[in-house]
N, C-alpha and C. Protein backbone atom coordinates (compact mmCIF):
# COMPACT_ATOMS: atom_id res chain seq x y z
N UNK A 1 -27.07 17.32 -34.40
CA UNK A 1 -26.71 16.32 -33.42
C UNK A 1 -25.39 15.69 -33.85
N UNK A 2 -24.43 15.71 -32.94
CA UNK A 2 -23.12 15.16 -33.23
C UNK A 2 -22.97 13.79 -32.60
N UNK A 3 -22.50 12.86 -33.40
CA UNK A 3 -22.24 11.52 -32.87
C UNK A 3 -20.78 11.41 -32.49
N UNK A 4 -20.56 10.99 -31.28
CA UNK A 4 -19.18 10.74 -30.84
C UNK A 4 -18.90 9.26 -31.04
N UNK A 5 -18.21 8.96 -32.10
CA UNK A 5 -17.87 7.56 -32.37
C UNK A 5 -16.60 7.20 -31.60
N UNK A 6 -16.74 6.23 -30.78
CA UNK A 6 -15.59 5.75 -30.04
C UNK A 6 -15.17 4.42 -30.64
N UNK A 7 -13.92 4.29 -30.86
CA UNK A 7 -13.40 3.06 -31.40
C UNK A 7 -12.56 2.39 -30.33
N UNK A 8 -12.95 1.19 -30.01
CA UNK A 8 -12.24 0.43 -29.00
C UNK A 8 -11.39 -0.63 -29.69
N UNK A 9 -10.26 -0.90 -29.12
CA UNK A 9 -9.43 -1.97 -29.64
C UNK A 9 -9.60 -3.20 -28.76
N UNK A 10 -9.29 -4.33 -29.32
CA UNK A 10 -9.41 -5.58 -28.60
C UNK A 10 -8.43 -5.59 -27.43
N UNK A 11 -8.92 -5.97 -26.26
CA UNK A 11 -8.07 -6.06 -25.09
C UNK A 11 -7.48 -7.46 -25.03
N UNK A 12 -6.21 -7.54 -24.83
CA UNK A 12 -5.53 -8.83 -24.72
C UNK A 12 -4.94 -8.97 -23.33
N UNK A 13 -4.78 -10.20 -22.91
CA UNK A 13 -4.16 -10.47 -21.62
C UNK A 13 -2.70 -10.04 -21.67
N UNK A 14 -2.18 -9.57 -20.56
CA UNK A 14 -0.76 -9.20 -20.53
C UNK A 14 0.11 -10.45 -20.58
N UNK A 15 0.65 -10.75 -21.75
CA UNK A 15 1.32 -12.03 -21.97
C UNK A 15 2.50 -12.27 -21.04
N UNK A 16 3.40 -11.30 -20.93
CA UNK A 16 4.59 -11.52 -20.10
C UNK A 16 4.21 -11.72 -18.64
N UNK A 17 3.31 -10.90 -18.16
CA UNK A 17 2.90 -11.00 -16.76
C UNK A 17 2.18 -12.32 -16.50
N UNK A 18 1.31 -12.71 -17.42
CA UNK A 18 0.59 -13.97 -17.25
C UNK A 18 1.55 -15.15 -17.21
N UNK A 19 2.54 -15.14 -18.11
CA UNK A 19 3.54 -16.21 -18.11
C UNK A 19 4.34 -16.22 -16.81
N UNK A 20 4.66 -15.03 -16.32
CA UNK A 20 5.43 -14.92 -15.09
C UNK A 20 4.64 -15.49 -13.91
N UNK A 21 3.38 -15.10 -13.78
CA UNK A 21 2.55 -15.60 -12.68
C UNK A 21 2.40 -17.11 -12.79
N UNK A 22 2.14 -17.60 -13.98
CA UNK A 22 1.99 -19.04 -14.19
C UNK A 22 3.28 -19.79 -13.83
N UNK A 23 4.40 -19.26 -14.24
CA UNK A 23 5.68 -19.90 -13.98
C UNK A 23 6.00 -19.91 -12.49
N UNK A 24 5.72 -18.81 -11.81
CA UNK A 24 6.01 -18.73 -10.38
C UNK A 24 5.08 -19.64 -9.59
N UNK A 25 3.79 -19.63 -9.90
CA UNK A 25 2.87 -20.53 -9.21
C UNK A 25 3.14 -21.98 -9.59
N UNK A 26 3.66 -22.21 -10.79
CA UNK A 26 4.00 -23.56 -11.22
C UNK A 26 5.21 -24.12 -10.50
N UNK A 27 6.05 -23.25 -10.00
CA UNK A 27 7.22 -23.68 -9.22
C UNK A 27 6.79 -23.74 -7.76
N UNK A 28 6.73 -24.94 -7.22
CA UNK A 28 6.18 -25.07 -5.87
C UNK A 28 7.08 -24.46 -4.80
N UNK A 29 8.29 -24.04 -5.17
CA UNK A 29 9.21 -23.51 -4.17
C UNK A 29 9.31 -21.99 -4.16
N UNK A 30 8.86 -21.30 -5.20
CA UNK A 30 9.02 -19.84 -5.26
C UNK A 30 8.37 -19.14 -4.08
N UNK A 31 7.15 -19.51 -3.75
CA UNK A 31 6.47 -18.84 -2.64
C UNK A 31 7.20 -19.10 -1.33
N UNK A 32 7.77 -20.30 -1.19
CA UNK A 32 8.56 -20.63 0.00
C UNK A 32 9.81 -19.77 0.05
N UNK A 33 10.46 -19.59 -1.10
CA UNK A 33 11.66 -18.74 -1.15
C UNK A 33 11.32 -17.31 -0.73
N UNK A 34 10.20 -16.78 -1.20
CA UNK A 34 9.80 -15.42 -0.82
C UNK A 34 9.58 -15.34 0.70
N UNK A 35 8.99 -16.39 1.25
CA UNK A 35 8.74 -16.43 2.70
C UNK A 35 10.08 -16.46 3.46
N UNK A 36 11.03 -17.23 2.97
CA UNK A 36 12.35 -17.28 3.60
C UNK A 36 13.02 -15.90 3.55
N UNK A 37 13.00 -15.27 2.38
CA UNK A 37 13.60 -13.94 2.24
C UNK A 37 12.95 -12.92 3.17
N UNK A 38 11.64 -13.01 3.28
CA UNK A 38 10.90 -12.10 4.16
C UNK A 38 11.36 -12.27 5.61
N UNK A 39 11.80 -13.47 5.95
CA UNK A 39 12.24 -13.77 7.31
C UNK A 39 13.76 -13.69 7.48
N UNK A 40 14.44 -13.04 6.54
CA UNK A 40 15.86 -12.78 6.66
C UNK A 40 16.78 -13.93 6.27
N UNK A 41 16.23 -14.97 5.69
CA UNK A 41 17.05 -16.10 5.24
C UNK A 41 17.31 -15.89 3.75
N UNK A 42 18.53 -15.41 3.43
CA UNK A 42 18.80 -15.02 2.05
C UNK A 42 20.01 -15.71 1.43
N UNK A 43 20.59 -16.67 2.14
CA UNK A 43 21.72 -17.42 1.60
C UNK A 43 21.25 -18.82 1.22
N UNK A 44 21.69 -19.32 0.06
CA UNK A 44 21.20 -20.62 -0.43
C UNK A 44 21.35 -21.77 0.55
N UNK A 45 22.49 -21.86 1.20
CA UNK A 45 22.70 -22.94 2.16
C UNK A 45 21.71 -22.91 3.30
N UNK A 46 21.45 -21.70 3.80
CA UNK A 46 20.46 -21.53 4.87
C UNK A 46 19.07 -21.94 4.40
N UNK A 47 18.75 -21.58 3.15
CA UNK A 47 17.44 -21.91 2.59
C UNK A 47 17.24 -23.42 2.54
N UNK A 48 18.24 -24.13 2.01
CA UNK A 48 18.13 -25.59 1.90
C UNK A 48 18.00 -26.22 3.28
N UNK A 49 18.78 -25.74 4.24
CA UNK A 49 18.70 -26.29 5.60
C UNK A 49 17.39 -25.96 6.31
N UNK A 50 16.75 -24.87 5.90
CA UNK A 50 15.53 -24.41 6.58
C UNK A 50 14.26 -25.08 6.09
N UNK A 51 14.31 -25.72 4.92
CA UNK A 51 13.09 -26.28 4.33
C UNK A 51 13.30 -27.75 4.02
N UNK A 52 12.53 -28.58 4.66
CA UNK A 52 12.61 -30.01 4.40
C UNK A 52 12.13 -30.32 2.98
N UNK A 53 12.91 -31.11 2.26
CA UNK A 53 12.52 -31.51 0.91
C UNK A 53 13.06 -30.60 -0.19
N UNK A 54 13.68 -29.51 0.17
CA UNK A 54 14.23 -28.58 -0.82
C UNK A 54 15.69 -28.95 -1.09
N UNK A 55 15.99 -29.26 -2.35
CA UNK A 55 17.37 -29.62 -2.72
C UNK A 55 18.08 -28.39 -3.30
N UNK A 56 19.40 -28.46 -3.28
CA UNK A 56 20.20 -27.36 -3.83
C UNK A 56 19.91 -27.17 -5.32
N UNK A 57 19.79 -28.27 -6.06
CA UNK A 57 19.53 -28.19 -7.50
C UNK A 57 18.21 -27.49 -7.79
N UNK A 58 17.16 -27.90 -7.10
CA UNK A 58 15.83 -27.30 -7.32
C UNK A 58 15.83 -25.83 -6.88
N UNK A 59 16.48 -25.56 -5.75
CA UNK A 59 16.57 -24.17 -5.28
C UNK A 59 17.27 -23.30 -6.32
N UNK A 60 18.38 -23.77 -6.86
CA UNK A 60 19.10 -22.98 -7.86
C UNK A 60 18.26 -22.71 -9.10
N UNK A 61 17.48 -23.70 -9.55
CA UNK A 61 16.59 -23.50 -10.69
C UNK A 61 15.53 -22.44 -10.37
N UNK A 62 14.98 -22.53 -9.18
CA UNK A 62 13.96 -21.58 -8.74
C UNK A 62 14.54 -20.16 -8.65
N UNK A 63 15.71 -20.04 -8.04
CA UNK A 63 16.35 -18.72 -7.91
C UNK A 63 16.68 -18.14 -9.28
N UNK A 64 17.18 -18.97 -10.20
CA UNK A 64 17.50 -18.49 -11.54
C UNK A 64 16.26 -17.97 -12.25
N UNK A 65 15.16 -18.71 -12.16
CA UNK A 65 13.91 -18.29 -12.80
C UNK A 65 13.48 -16.93 -12.25
N UNK A 66 13.57 -16.76 -10.94
CA UNK A 66 13.17 -15.50 -10.32
C UNK A 66 14.10 -14.35 -10.69
N UNK A 67 15.38 -14.64 -10.86
CA UNK A 67 16.33 -13.61 -11.31
C UNK A 67 16.02 -13.23 -12.75
N UNK A 68 15.75 -14.23 -13.59
CA UNK A 68 15.43 -13.95 -15.00
C UNK A 68 14.20 -13.06 -15.13
N UNK A 69 13.23 -13.23 -14.26
CA UNK A 69 12.03 -12.39 -14.30
C UNK A 69 12.26 -11.02 -13.65
N UNK A 70 13.38 -10.84 -12.96
CA UNK A 70 13.66 -9.57 -12.30
C UNK A 70 13.03 -9.46 -10.93
N UNK A 71 12.58 -10.57 -10.38
CA UNK A 71 11.94 -10.58 -9.06
C UNK A 71 12.99 -10.58 -7.95
N UNK A 72 14.06 -11.33 -8.18
CA UNK A 72 15.15 -11.41 -7.21
C UNK A 72 16.44 -10.92 -7.85
N UNK A 73 17.38 -10.51 -7.00
CA UNK A 73 18.72 -10.18 -7.48
C UNK A 73 19.73 -10.97 -6.64
N UNK A 74 20.81 -11.34 -7.30
CA UNK A 74 21.87 -12.11 -6.68
C UNK A 74 23.03 -11.18 -6.36
N UNK A 75 23.50 -11.27 -5.14
CA UNK A 75 24.66 -10.47 -4.73
C UNK A 75 25.78 -11.45 -4.40
N UNK A 76 26.88 -11.34 -5.13
CA UNK A 76 28.04 -12.19 -4.90
C UNK A 76 29.14 -11.37 -4.25
N UNK A 77 29.69 -11.88 -3.18
CA UNK A 77 30.77 -11.22 -2.47
C UNK A 77 32.08 -11.92 -2.83
N UNK A 78 33.11 -11.15 -3.04
CA UNK A 78 34.40 -11.75 -3.40
C UNK A 78 35.15 -12.10 -2.12
N UNK A 79 34.70 -13.19 -1.53
CA UNK A 79 35.30 -13.70 -0.30
C UNK A 79 35.65 -15.16 -0.50
N UNK A 80 36.50 -15.66 0.36
CA UNK A 80 36.79 -17.09 0.37
C UNK A 80 36.44 -17.58 1.76
N UNK A 81 35.52 -18.52 1.89
CA UNK A 81 34.75 -19.15 0.83
C UNK A 81 33.75 -18.17 0.23
N UNK A 82 33.31 -18.44 -1.01
CA UNK A 82 32.38 -17.53 -1.70
C UNK A 82 31.10 -17.34 -0.89
N UNK A 83 30.60 -16.13 -0.94
CA UNK A 83 29.35 -15.79 -0.24
C UNK A 83 28.38 -15.22 -1.25
N UNK A 84 27.15 -15.76 -1.26
CA UNK A 84 26.11 -15.30 -2.18
C UNK A 84 24.85 -15.05 -1.36
N UNK A 85 24.18 -13.95 -1.66
CA UNK A 85 22.90 -13.64 -1.04
C UNK A 85 21.90 -13.27 -2.12
N UNK A 86 20.63 -13.45 -1.81
CA UNK A 86 19.54 -13.09 -2.73
C UNK A 86 18.62 -12.11 -2.03
N UNK A 87 18.17 -11.13 -2.78
CA UNK A 87 17.24 -10.13 -2.25
C UNK A 87 16.13 -9.88 -3.26
N UNK A 88 15.01 -9.42 -2.76
CA UNK A 88 13.88 -9.07 -3.61
C UNK A 88 14.12 -7.69 -4.20
N UNK A 89 13.91 -7.55 -5.50
CA UNK A 89 14.05 -6.26 -6.18
C UNK A 89 12.81 -5.39 -5.90
N UNK A 90 12.88 -4.13 -6.29
CA UNK A 90 11.69 -3.26 -6.17
C UNK A 90 10.55 -3.84 -7.01
N UNK A 91 10.86 -4.27 -8.22
CA UNK A 91 9.84 -4.91 -9.06
C UNK A 91 9.29 -6.15 -8.35
N UNK A 92 10.18 -6.92 -7.75
CA UNK A 92 9.78 -8.13 -7.02
C UNK A 92 8.82 -7.82 -5.89
N UNK A 93 9.06 -6.72 -5.18
CA UNK A 93 8.15 -6.31 -4.10
C UNK A 93 6.75 -6.09 -4.64
N UNK A 94 6.66 -5.41 -5.77
CA UNK A 94 5.35 -5.17 -6.40
C UNK A 94 4.72 -6.47 -6.87
N UNK A 95 5.53 -7.35 -7.45
CA UNK A 95 5.03 -8.63 -7.93
C UNK A 95 4.50 -9.47 -6.77
N UNK A 96 5.21 -9.49 -5.67
CA UNK A 96 4.78 -10.27 -4.51
C UNK A 96 3.47 -9.73 -3.95
N UNK A 97 3.27 -8.42 -4.02
CA UNK A 97 1.99 -7.83 -3.59
C UNK A 97 0.84 -8.38 -4.44
N UNK A 98 1.09 -8.54 -5.73
CA UNK A 98 0.07 -9.11 -6.63
C UNK A 98 -0.23 -10.54 -6.22
N UNK A 99 0.79 -11.31 -5.89
CA UNK A 99 0.59 -12.70 -5.46
C UNK A 99 -0.21 -12.76 -4.17
N UNK A 100 0.04 -11.82 -3.27
CA UNK A 100 -0.73 -11.75 -2.01
C UNK A 100 -2.20 -11.46 -2.32
N UNK A 101 -2.44 -10.56 -3.26
CA UNK A 101 -3.83 -10.24 -3.65
C UNK A 101 -4.51 -11.44 -4.30
N UNK A 102 -3.77 -12.20 -5.12
CA UNK A 102 -4.34 -13.41 -5.73
C UNK A 102 -4.71 -14.41 -4.64
N UNK A 103 -3.85 -14.54 -3.63
CA UNK A 103 -4.13 -15.46 -2.52
C UNK A 103 -5.40 -15.01 -1.78
N UNK A 104 -5.57 -13.71 -1.58
CA UNK A 104 -6.77 -13.20 -0.93
C UNK A 104 -8.02 -13.53 -1.74
N UNK A 105 -7.93 -13.40 -3.07
CA UNK A 105 -9.07 -13.75 -3.93
C UNK A 105 -9.39 -15.24 -3.80
N UNK A 106 -8.36 -16.07 -3.76
CA UNK A 106 -8.57 -17.51 -3.60
C UNK A 106 -9.26 -17.80 -2.27
N UNK A 107 -8.83 -17.13 -1.22
CA UNK A 107 -9.46 -17.31 0.10
C UNK A 107 -10.94 -16.92 0.05
N UNK A 108 -11.26 -15.82 -0.67
CA UNK A 108 -12.66 -15.40 -0.80
C UNK A 108 -13.47 -16.46 -1.54
N UNK A 109 -12.90 -17.00 -2.61
CA UNK A 109 -13.60 -18.06 -3.36
C UNK A 109 -13.82 -19.29 -2.48
N UNK A 110 -12.79 -19.66 -1.75
CA UNK A 110 -12.92 -20.83 -0.86
C UNK A 110 -14.01 -20.60 0.19
N UNK A 111 -14.06 -19.40 0.75
CA UNK A 111 -15.09 -19.09 1.75
C UNK A 111 -16.49 -19.10 1.14
N UNK A 112 -16.61 -18.59 -0.08
CA UNK A 112 -17.92 -18.62 -0.77
C UNK A 112 -18.38 -20.05 -0.97
N UNK A 113 -17.47 -20.90 -1.44
CA UNK A 113 -17.81 -22.30 -1.69
C UNK A 113 -18.19 -23.02 -0.39
N UNK A 114 -17.49 -22.71 0.68
CA UNK A 114 -17.80 -23.34 1.97
C UNK A 114 -19.14 -22.89 2.52
N UNK A 115 -19.51 -21.63 2.26
CA UNK A 115 -20.78 -21.09 2.72
C UNK A 115 -21.96 -21.60 1.90
N UNK A 116 -21.68 -22.00 0.64
CA UNK A 116 -22.76 -22.52 -0.22
C UNK A 116 -23.09 -23.97 0.07
N UNK A 117 -22.18 -24.67 0.70
CA UNK A 117 -22.44 -26.10 0.98
C UNK A 117 -23.01 -26.31 2.34
């Protein structure tokens, strides 16, 4: 009789991804920015004008964080006046799909809780 010994290693949470999700959900404007981009609003000035309560300073911090994570990319045009646009990267598209799935899970939890009361 042969014993097949399997050795498992400890599973750890994906640190970079977990930090990224936490940081994006922690920024109350990131999801709004994704919604704006999805609707063709990709210039910073348009974004600020389109959302009440969003300042240029906060938007720039949010955009920088998303660029640092590789979710968004900045395109600068050499025009006068300067023109800048933001787009979602391929990685960003996949990341946003994960966020949509997390939202669906939250909706399921909310529905369960409502049905239990």
